[in-house]
Structures are given as C-alpha cells and as structure tokens.
Amino acid sequence: MNNETKLKNIFAQFAGKEIKNPNRMTRDMCDVVDSDLQRKVSGLGFIFGMHKKGTAETMVLKPENLVRAEYEETNGKFRLTGKYKIGNQR
C-alpha cells in the first residue's frame, strides 16, 4: 500500500471528529484527536499541519512532505473534514 492510500485511510478514520481550536492561545491543553492524527501522519514520514477550510493560503512554498489536515468551524466547534493537502497542493 502506497503512502497516498495510507493517508486516505488515516484521514477517513478521523473525518468528522471534533478537535480543540487549532488557533487557541495555549497549546498546553492536549487534544487527543489532533495528537493521534499527528502521530499517525508523522509515522509515514510527513510533517503535520492544520488548514481551515475555505481560508486563503499564502504563496509561500511548503515542504513536499507537509500534510495539512483540513478542519472547519461550525457553531463554535471544530471538526476535521477528512480532507488534506500535501506540499503545495491547493
């Protein structure tokens, strides 16, 4: 199984799961879902990040092995969409 298929399977497991606000001021409150997803993605050799659905991205080049999980905010709750971007994908 290649890494793309592995990533799809991992993100499918986390789709719809609630996470803490990724932009919270203090990261001292552990987010179990975020940490578990990061551990699995990092285990495949990727750098992990987050991206809010529908927000513009800067034109800065990103590492080819950066995987950014997409999340959305609805009614003050944050949930993973199950989608992700790799490197400079849009």
PDB file of N, CA and C in Angstrom:
ATOM      1  N   MET A   1       0.847  -1.174   0.000  1.00  0.00           N
ATOM      2  CA  MET A   1       0.000   0.000   0.000  1.00  0.00           C
ATOM      3  C   MET A   1       0.897   1.243   0.000  1.00  0.00           C
ATOM      4  N   ASN A   2       0.642   2.176  -0.924  1.00  0.00           N
ATOM      5  CA  ASN A   2       1.476   3.376  -1.001  1.00  0.00           C
ATOM      6  C   ASN A   2       1.035   4.418   0.035  1.00  0.00           C
ATOM      7  N   ASN A   3       1.855   5.451   0.212  1.00  0.00           N
ATOM      8  CA  ASN A   3       1.577   6.462   1.236  1.00  0.00           C
ATOM      9  C   ASN A   3       0.285   7.231   0.972  1.00  0.00           C
ATOM     10  N   GLU A   4      -0.045   7.480  -0.288  1.00  0.00           N
ATOM     11  CA  GLU A   4      -1.284   8.199  -0.610  1.00  0.00           C
ATOM     12  C   GLU A   4      -2.498   7.405  -0.121  1.00  0.00           C
ATOM     13  N   THR A   5      -2.488   6.108  -0.346  1.00  0.00           N
ATOM     14  CA  THR A   5      -3.583   5.256   0.121  1.00  0.00           C
ATOM     15  C   THR A   5      -3.613   5.205   1.641  1.00  0.00           C
ATOM     16  N   LYS A   6      -2.446   5.127   2.257  1.00  0.00           N
ATOM     17  CA  LYS A   6      -2.372   5.111   3.719  1.00  0.00           C
ATOM     18  C   LYS A   6      -2.917   6.415   4.301  1.00  0.00           C
ATOM     19  N   LEU A   7      -2.559   7.563   3.693  1.00  0.00           N
ATOM     20  CA  LEU A   7      -3.071   8.842   4.165  1.00  0.00           C
ATOM     21  C   LEU A   7      -4.593   8.910   4.036  1.00  0.00           C
ATOM     22  N   LYS A   8      -5.124   8.458   2.910  1.00  0.00           N
ATOM     23  CA  LYS A   8      -6.580   8.469   2.711  1.00  0.00           C
ATOM     24  C   LYS A   8      -7.266   7.649   3.798  1.00  0.00           C
ATOM     25  N   ASN A   9      -6.714   6.492   4.114  1.00  0.00           N
ATOM     26  CA  ASN A   9      -7.293   5.638   5.155  1.00  0.00           C
ATOM     27  C   ASN A   9      -7.225   6.301   6.527  1.00  0.00           C
ATOM     28  N   ILE A  10      -6.085   6.922   6.826  1.00  0.00           N
ATOM     29  CA  ILE A  10      -5.928   7.601   8.118  1.00  0.00           C
ATOM     30  C   ILE A  10      -6.931   8.743   8.239  1.00  0.00           C
ATOM     31  N   PHE A  11      -7.015   9.590   7.218  1.00  0.00           N
ATOM     32  CA  PHE A  11      -7.911  10.746   7.292  1.00  0.00           C
ATOM     33  C   PHE A  11      -9.384  10.328   7.275  1.00  0.00           C
ATOM     34  N   ALA A  12      -9.699   9.221   6.655  1.00  0.00           N
ATOM     35  CA  ALA A  12     -11.074   8.715   6.689  1.00  0.00           C
ATOM     36  C   ALA A  12     -11.468   8.333   8.119  1.00  0.00           C
ATOM     37  N   GLN A  13     -10.521   7.803   8.889  1.00  0.00           N
ATOM     38  CA  GLN A  13     -10.782   7.431  10.285  1.00  0.00           C
ATOM     39  C   GLN A  13     -11.091   8.650  11.147  1.00  0.00           C
ATOM     40  N   PHE A  14     -10.521   9.797  10.798  1.00  0.00           N
ATOM     41  CA  PHE A  14     -10.656  11.000  11.610  1.00  0.00           C
ATOM     42  C   PHE A  14     -11.719  11.974  11.096  1.00  0.00           C
ATOM     43  N   ALA A  15     -12.297  11.689   9.948  1.00  0.00           N
ATOM     44  CA  ALA A  15     -13.297  12.591   9.361  1.00  0.00           C
ATOM     45  C   ALA A  15     -14.468  12.792  10.315  1.00  0.00           C
ATOM     46  N   GLY A  16     -14.816  14.055  10.550  1.00  0.00           N
ATOM     47  CA  GLY A  16     -15.949  14.400  11.400  1.00  0.00           C
ATOM     48  C   GLY A  16     -15.643  14.455  12.882  1.00  0.00           C
ATOM     49  N   LYS A  17     -14.434  14.080  13.275  1.00  0.00           N
ATOM     50  CA  LYS A  17     -14.096  14.105  14.703  1.00  0.00           C
ATOM     51  C   LYS A  17     -13.858  15.537  15.163  1.00  0.00           C
ATOM     52  N   GLU A  18     -14.329  15.828  16.369  1.00  0.00           N
ATOM     53  CA  GLU A  18     -14.171  17.157  16.935  1.00  0.00           C
ATOM     54  C   GLU A  18     -12.762  17.320  17.497  1.00  0.00           C
ATOM     55  N   ILE A  19     -12.207  18.509  17.270  1.00  0.00           N
ATOM     56  CA  ILE A  19     -10.897  18.856  17.795  1.00  0.00           C
ATOM     57  C   ILE A  19     -11.013  20.170  18.569  1.00  0.00           C
ATOM     58  N   LYS A  20      -9.999  20.461  19.366  1.00  0.00           N
ATOM     59  CA  LYS A  20      -9.946  21.759  20.032  1.00  0.00           C
ATOM     60  C   LYS A  20      -9.517  22.807  19.011  1.00  0.00           C
ATOM     61  N   ASN A  21      -9.807  24.057  19.288  1.00  0.00           N
ATOM     62  CA  ASN A  21      -9.464  25.146  18.386  1.00  0.00           C
ATOM     63  C   ASN A  21      -7.961  25.109  18.076  1.00  0.00           C
ATOM     64  N   PRO A  22      -7.588  24.868  16.821  1.00  0.00           N
ATOM     65  CA  PRO A  22      -6.162  24.814  16.476  1.00  0.00           C
ATOM     66  C   PRO A  22      -5.433  26.135  16.691  1.00  0.00           C
ATOM     67  N   ASN A  23      -6.166  27.230  16.779  1.00  0.00           N
ATOM     68  CA  ASN A  23      -5.554  28.550  16.964  1.00  0.00           C
ATOM     69  C   ASN A  23      -5.665  29.048  18.400  1.00  0.00           C
ATOM     70  N   ARG A  24      -5.948  28.146  19.335  1.00  0.00           N
ATOM     71  CA  ARG A  24      -6.080  28.573  20.736  1.00  0.00           C
ATOM     72  C   ARG A  24      -4.752  29.146  21.222  1.00  0.00           C
ATOM     73  N   MET A  25      -4.860  30.053  22.158  1.00  0.00           N
ATOM     74  CA  MET A  25      -3.673  30.760  22.643  1.00  0.00           C
ATOM     75  C   MET A  25      -2.698  29.837  23.367  1.00  0.00           C
ATOM     76  N   THR A  26      -3.217  28.881  24.112  1.00  0.00           N
ATOM     77  CA  THR A  26      -2.321  27.977  24.823  1.00  0.00           C
ATOM     78  C   THR A  26      -2.495  26.578  24.271  1.00  0.00           C
ATOM     79  N   ARG A  27      -1.406  25.957  23.949  1.00  0.00           N
ATOM     80  CA  ARG A  27      -1.454  24.595  23.428  1.00  0.00           C
ATOM     81  C   ARG A  27      -1.186  23.601  24.559  1.00  0.00           C
ATOM     82  N   ASP A  28      -1.277  24.091  25.819  1.00  0.00           N
ATOM     83  CA  ASP A  28      -0.988  23.213  26.946  1.00  0.00           C
ATOM     84  C   ASP A  28      -2.118  22.214  27.194  1.00  0.00           C
ATOM     85  N   MET A  29      -3.286  22.489  26.643  1.00  0.00           N
ATOM     86  CA  MET A  29      -4.397  21.546  26.777  1.00  0.00           C
ATOM     87  C   MET A  29      -4.262  20.526  25.648  1.00  0.00           C
ATOM     88  N   CYS A  30      -3.968  19.325  25.981  1.00  0.00           N
ATOM     89  CA  CYS A  30      -3.744  18.277  24.983  1.00  0.00           C
ATOM     90  C   CYS A  30      -5.023  17.973  24.216  1.00  0.00           C
ATOM     91  N   ASP A  31      -4.907  17.859  22.918  1.00  0.00           N
ATOM     92  CA  ASP A  31      -6.011  17.451  22.059  1.00  0.00           C
ATOM     93  C   ASP A  31      -5.689  16.034  21.601  1.00  0.00           C
ATOM     94  N   VAL A  32      -6.389  15.078  22.140  1.00  0.00           N
ATOM     95  CA  VAL A  32      -6.101  13.670  21.870  1.00  0.00           C
ATOM     96  C   VAL A  32      -6.268  13.342  20.391  1.00  0.00           C
ATOM     97  N   VAL A  33      -7.324  13.857  19.757  1.00  0.00           N
ATOM     98  CA  VAL A  33      -7.571  13.562  18.340  1.00  0.00           C
ATOM     99  C   VAL A  33      -6.453  14.140  17.484  1.00  0.00           C
ATOM    100  N   ASP A  34      -6.124  15.408  17.709  1.00  0.00           N
ATOM    101  CA  ASP A  34      -5.052  16.079  16.967  1.00  0.00           C
ATOM    102  C   ASP A  34      -3.732  15.337  17.158  1.00  0.00           C
ATOM    103  N   SER A  35      -3.405  14.980  18.383  1.00  0.00           N
ATOM    104  CA  SER A  35      -2.149  14.289  18.684  1.00  0.00           C
ATOM    105  C   SER A  35      -2.086  12.914  18.023  1.00  0.00           C
ATOM    106  N   ASP A  36      -3.194  12.196  18.042  1.00  0.00           N
ATOM    107  CA  ASP A  36      -3.237  10.861  17.439  1.00  0.00           C
ATOM    108  C   ASP A  36      -3.072  10.951  15.923  1.00  0.00           C
ATOM    109  N   LEU A  37      -3.755  11.909  15.304  1.00  0.00           N
ATOM    110  CA  LEU A  37      -3.629  12.101  13.859  1.00  0.00           C
ATOM    111  C   LEU A  37      -2.197  12.498  13.506  1.00  0.00           C
ATOM    112  N   GLN A  38      -1.619  13.400  14.255  1.00  0.00           N
ATOM    113  CA  GLN A  38      -0.250  13.832  14.002  1.00  0.00           C
ATOM    114  C   GLN A  38       0.719  12.663  14.126  1.00  0.00           C
ATOM    115  N   ARG A  39       0.539  11.836  15.119  1.00  0.00           N
ATOM    116  CA  ARG A  39       1.421  10.674  15.322  1.00  0.00           C
ATOM    117  C   ARG A  39       1.349   9.724  14.125  1.00  0.00           C
ATOM    118  N   LYS A  40       0.142   9.465  13.630  1.00  0.00           N
ATOM    119  CA  LYS A  40      -0.013   8.534  12.503  1.00  0.00           C
ATOM    120  C   LYS A  40       0.573   9.100  11.218  1.00  0.00           C
ATOM    121  N   VAL A  41       0.341  10.385  10.962  1.00  0.00           N
ATOM    122  CA  VAL A  41       0.872  11.022   9.760  1.00  0.00           C
ATOM    123  C   VAL A  41       2.401  11.106   9.830  1.00  0.00           C
ATOM    124  N   SER A  42       2.924  11.469  10.983  1.00  0.00           N
ATOM    125  CA  SER A  42       4.379  11.550  11.162  1.00  0.00           C
ATOM    126  C   SER A  42       5.031  10.187  11.004  1.00  0.00           C
ATOM    127  N   GLY A  43       4.327   9.135  11.381  1.00  0.00           N
ATOM    128  CA  GLY A  43       4.833   7.776  11.247  1.00  0.00           C
ATOM    129  C   GLY A  43       5.079   7.371   9.804  1.00  0.00           C
ATOM    130  N   LEU A  44       4.437   8.086   8.869  1.00  0.00           N
ATOM    131  CA  LEU A  44       4.653   7.822   7.441  1.00  0.00           C
ATOM    132  C   LEU A  44       5.761   8.707   6.869  1.00  0.00           C
ATOM    133  N   GLY A  45       6.373   9.538   7.737  1.00  0.00           N
ATOM    134  CA  GLY A  45       7.467  10.389   7.293  1.00  0.00           C
ATOM    135  C   GLY A  45       7.051  11.790   6.874  1.00  0.00           C
ATOM    136  N   PHE A  46       5.840  12.202   7.233  1.00  0.00           N
ATOM    137  CA  PHE A  46       5.346  13.521   6.864  1.00  0.00           C
ATOM    138  C   PHE A  46       5.429  14.495   8.033  1.00  0.00           C
ATOM    139  N   ILE A  47       5.468  15.792   7.712  1.00  0.00           N
ATOM    140  CA  ILE A  47       5.334  16.863   8.682  1.00  0.00           C
ATOM    141  C   ILE A  47       3.851  17.179   8.750  1.00  0.00           C
ATOM    142  N   PHE A  48       3.325  17.439   9.942  1.00  0.00           N
ATOM    143  CA  PHE A  48       1.884  17.618  10.118  1.00  0.00           C
ATOM    144  C   PHE A  48       1.529  19.075  10.367  1.00  0.00           C
ATOM    145  N   GLY A  49       0.443  19.517   9.780  1.00  0.00           N
ATOM    146  CA  GLY A  49      -0.081  20.860   9.995  1.00  0.00           C
ATOM    147  C   GLY A  49      -1.596  20.859   9.859  1.00  0.00           C
ATOM    148  N   MET A  50      -2.204  22.020  10.091  1.00  0.00           N
ATOM    149  CA  MET A  50      -3.658  22.159  10.004  1.00  0.00           C
ATOM    150  C   MET A  50      -3.992  23.306   9.052  1.00  0.00           C
ATOM    151  N   HIS A  51      -5.155  23.196   8.399  1.00  0.00           N
ATOM    152  CA  HIS A  51      -5.617  24.244   7.488  1.00  0.00           C
ATOM    153  C   HIS A  51      -7.127  24.380   7.615  1.00  0.00           C
ATOM    154  N   LYS A  52      -7.595  25.605   7.847  1.00  0.00           N
ATOM    155  CA  LYS A  52      -9.029  25.852   7.977  1.00  0.00           C
ATOM    156  C   LYS A  52      -9.676  25.890   6.595  1.00  0.00           C
ATOM    157  N   LYS A  53     -10.728  25.135   6.437  1.00  0.00           N
ATOM    158  CA  LYS A  53     -11.455  25.047   5.175  1.00  0.00           C
ATOM    159  C   LYS A  53     -11.913  26.435   4.730  1.00  0.00           C
ATOM    160  N   GLY A  54     -11.669  26.740   3.467  1.00  0.00           N
ATOM    161  CA  GLY A  54     -12.143  27.978   2.887  1.00  0.00           C
ATOM    162  C   GLY A  54     -11.269  29.205   3.114  1.00  0.00           C
ATOM    163  N   THR A  55     -10.163  29.048   3.812  1.00  0.00           N
ATOM    164  CA  THR A  55      -9.290  30.204   4.032  1.00  0.00           C
ATOM    165  C   THR A  55      -8.220  30.252   2.951  1.00  0.00           C
ATOM    166  N   ALA A  56      -7.825  31.465   2.615  1.00  0.00           N
ATOM    167  CA  ALA A  56      -6.788  31.651   1.602  1.00  0.00           C
ATOM    168  C   ALA A  56      -5.436  31.237   2.168  1.00  0.00           C
ATOM    169  N   GLU A  57      -4.608  30.705   1.296  1.00  0.00           N
ATOM    170  CA  GLU A  57      -3.263  30.325   1.697  1.00  0.00           C
ATOM    171  C   GLU A  57      -2.267  31.290   1.096  1.00  0.00           C
ATOM    172  N   THR A  58      -1.157  31.460   1.761  1.00  0.00           N
ATOM    173  CA  THR A  58      -0.102  32.309   1.225  1.00  0.00           C
ATOM    174  C   THR A  58       0.595  31.573   0.090  1.00  0.00           C
ATOM    175  N   MET A  59       1.312  32.301  -0.701  1.00  0.00           N
ATOM    176  CA  MET A  59       2.012  31.712  -1.838  1.00  0.00           C
ATOM    177  C   MET A  59       3.406  31.197  -1.456  1.00  0.00           C
ATOM    178  N   VAL A  60       3.631  31.016  -0.183  1.00  0.00           N
ATOM    179  CA  VAL A  60       4.915  30.523   0.295  1.00  0.00           C
ATOM    180  C   VAL A  60       5.056  29.048  -0.084  1.00  0.00           C
ATOM    181  N   LEU A  61       6.243  28.684  -0.540  1.00  0.00           N
ATOM    182  CA  LEU A  61       6.480  27.279  -0.863  1.00  0.00           C
ATOM    183  C   LEU A  61       6.496  26.456   0.415  1.00  0.00           C
ATOM    184  N   LYS A  62       5.866  25.322   0.353  1.00  0.00           N
ATOM    185  CA  LYS A  62       5.784  24.437   1.506  1.00  0.00           C
ATOM    186  C   LYS A  62       6.604  23.181   1.217  1.00  0.00           C
ATOM    187  N   PRO A  63       7.126  22.547   2.250  1.00  0.00           N
ATOM    188  CA  PRO A  63       7.874  21.305   2.032  1.00  0.00           C
ATOM    189  C   PRO A  63       6.983  20.254   1.355  1.00  0.00           C
ATOM    190  N   GLU A  64       7.573  19.470   0.494  1.00  0.00           N
ATOM    191  CA  GLU A  64       6.822  18.440  -0.236  1.00  0.00           C
ATOM    192  C   GLU A  64       6.219  17.391   0.693  1.00  0.00           C
ATOM    193  N   ASN A  65       6.785  17.232   1.892  1.00  0.00           N
ATOM    194  CA  ASN A  65       6.281  16.211   2.810  1.00  0.00           C
ATOM    195  C   ASN A  65       5.395  16.805   3.917  1.00  0.00           C
ATOM    196  N   LEU A  66       4.905  18.038   3.704  1.00  0.00           N
ATOM    197  CA  LEU A  66       3.991  18.657   4.666  1.00  0.00           C
ATOM    198  C   LEU A  66       2.562  18.213   4.351  1.00  0.00           C
ATOM    199  N   VAL A  67       1.901  17.628   5.332  1.00  0.00           N
ATOM    200  CA  VAL A  67       0.495  17.234   5.180  1.00  0.00           C
ATOM    201  C   VAL A  67      -0.328  18.107   6.106  1.00  0.00           C
ATOM    202  N   ARG A  68      -1.287  18.855   5.527  1.00  0.00           N
ATOM    203  CA  ARG A  68      -2.127  19.760   6.309  1.00  0.00           C
ATOM    204  C   ARG A  68      -3.551  19.217   6.360  1.00  0.00           C
ATOM    205  N   ALA A  69      -3.986  18.884   7.551  1.00  0.00           N
ATOM    206  CA  ALA A  69      -5.345  18.390   7.760  1.00  0.00           C
ATOM    207  C   ALA A  69      -6.316  19.563   7.636  1.00  0.00           C
ATOM    208  N   GLU A  70      -7.419  19.354   6.943  1.00  0.00           N
ATOM    209  CA  GLU A  70      -8.429  20.394   6.804  1.00  0.00           C
ATOM    210  C   GLU A  70      -9.447  20.268   7.931  1.00  0.00           C
ATOM    211  N   TYR A  71      -9.809  21.418   8.517  1.00  0.00           N
ATOM    212  CA  TYR A  71     -10.848  21.432   9.550  1.00  0.00           C
ATOM    213  C   TYR A  71     -11.812  22.556   9.246  1.00  0.00           C
ATOM    214  N   GLU A  72     -12.992  22.472   9.833  1.00  0.00           N
ATOM    215  CA  GLU A  72     -13.984  23.527   9.671  1.00  0.00           C
ATOM    216  C   GLU A  72     -14.577  23.876  11.022  1.00  0.00           C
ATOM    217  N   GLU A  73     -15.086  25.100  11.109  1.00  0.00           N
ATOM    218  CA  GLU A  73     -15.711  25.573  12.346  1.00  0.00           C
ATOM    219  C   GLU A  73     -17.193  25.765  12.091  1.00  0.00           C
ATOM    220  N   THR A  74     -18.005  25.151  12.938  1.00  0.00           N
ATOM    221  CA  THR A  74     -19.452  25.289  12.860  1.00  0.00           C
ATOM    222  C   THR A  74     -19.987  25.439  14.269  1.00  0.00           C
ATOM    223  N   ASN A  75     -20.715  26.518  14.507  1.00  0.00           N
ATOM    224  CA  ASN A  75     -21.312  26.779  15.821  1.00  0.00           C
ATOM    225  C   ASN A  75     -20.290  26.711  16.953  1.00  0.00           C
ATOM    226  N   GLY A  76     -19.097  27.241  16.707  1.00  0.00           N
ATOM    227  CA  GLY A  76     -18.064  27.276  17.737  1.00  0.00           C
ATOM    228  C   GLY A  76     -17.355  25.955  17.979  1.00  0.00           C
ATOM    229  N   LYS A  77     -17.652  24.942  17.172  1.00  0.00           N
ATOM    230  CA  LYS A  77     -16.999  23.630  17.292  1.00  0.00           C
ATOM    231  C   LYS A  77     -16.119  23.415  16.069  1.00  0.00           C
ATOM    232  N   PHE A  78     -15.015  22.742  16.286  1.00  0.00           N
ATOM    233  CA  PHE A  78     -14.053  22.484  15.219  1.00  0.00           C
ATOM    234  C   PHE A  78     -14.055  20.987  14.914  1.00  0.00           C
ATOM    235  N   ARG A  79     -14.167  20.659  13.627  1.00  0.00           N
ATOM    236  CA  ARG A  79     -14.193  19.255  13.211  1.00  0.00           C
ATOM    237  C   ARG A  79     -13.274  19.047  12.012  1.00  0.00           C
ATOM    238  N   LEU A  80     -12.636  17.894  11.973  1.00  0.00           N
ATOM    239  CA  LEU A  80     -11.826  17.518  10.822  1.00  0.00           C
ATOM    240  C   LEU A  80     -12.754  17.141   9.676  1.00  0.00           C
ATOM    241  N   THR A  81     -12.421  17.563   8.461  1.00  0.00           N
ATOM    242  CA  THR A  81     -13.271  17.246   7.310  1.00  0.00           C
ATOM    243  C   THR A  81     -12.917  15.900   6.689  1.00  0.00           C
ATOM    244  N   GLY A  82     -11.723  15.399   6.984  1.00  0.00           N
ATOM    245  CA  GLY A  82     -11.269  14.159   6.359  1.00  0.00           C
ATOM    246  C   GLY A  82     -10.439  14.427   5.115  1.00  0.00           C
ATOM    247  N   LYS A  83     -10.341  15.709   4.720  1.00  0.00           N
ATOM    248  CA  LYS A  83      -9.534  16.085   3.560  1.00  0.00           C
ATOM    249  C   LYS A  83      -8.189  16.609   4.040  1.00  0.00           C
ATOM    250  N   TYR A  84      -7.229  16.622   3.140  1.00  0.00           N
ATOM    251  CA  TYR A  84      -5.888  17.088   3.466  1.00  0.00           C
ATOM    252  C   TYR A  84      -5.203  17.581   2.209  1.00  0.00           C
ATOM    253  N   LYS A  85      -4.112  18.314   2.402  1.00  0.00           N
ATOM    254  CA  LYS A  85      -3.295  18.805   1.294  1.00  0.00           C
ATOM    255  C   LYS A  85      -1.854  18.384   1.565  1.00  0.00           C
ATOM    256  N   ILE A  86      -1.166  18.063   0.507  1.00  0.00           N
ATOM    257  CA  ILE A  86       0.234  17.663   0.618  1.00  0.00           C
ATOM    258  C   ILE A  86       1.098  18.713  -0.078  1.00  0.00           C
ATOM    259  N   GLY A  87       2.137  19.169   0.582  1.00  0.00           N
ATOM    260  CA  GLY A  87       3.073  20.126  -0.006  1.00  0.00           C
ATOM    261  C   GLY A  87       2.376  21.371  -0.507  1.00  0.00           C
ATOM    262  N   ASN A  88       2.560  21.690  -1.773  1.00  0.00           N
ATOM    263  CA  ASN A  88       1.989  22.900  -2.356  1.00  0.00           C
ATOM    264  C   ASN A  88       0.663  22.671  -3.065  1.00  0.00           C
ATOM    265  N   GLN A  89       0.033  21.541  -2.827  1.00  0.00           N
ATOM    266  CA  GLN A  89      -1.300  21.308  -3.414  1.00  0.00           C
ATOM    267  C   GLN A  89      -2.255  22.399  -2.986  1.00  0.00           C
ATOM    268  N   ARG A  90      -3.170  22.706  -3.823  1.00  0.00           N
ATOM    269  CA  ARG A  90      -4.217  23.683  -3.489  1.00  0.00           C
ATOM    270  C   ARG A  90      -5.507  22.951  -3.259  1.00  0.00           C
TER     271      ARG A  90
END
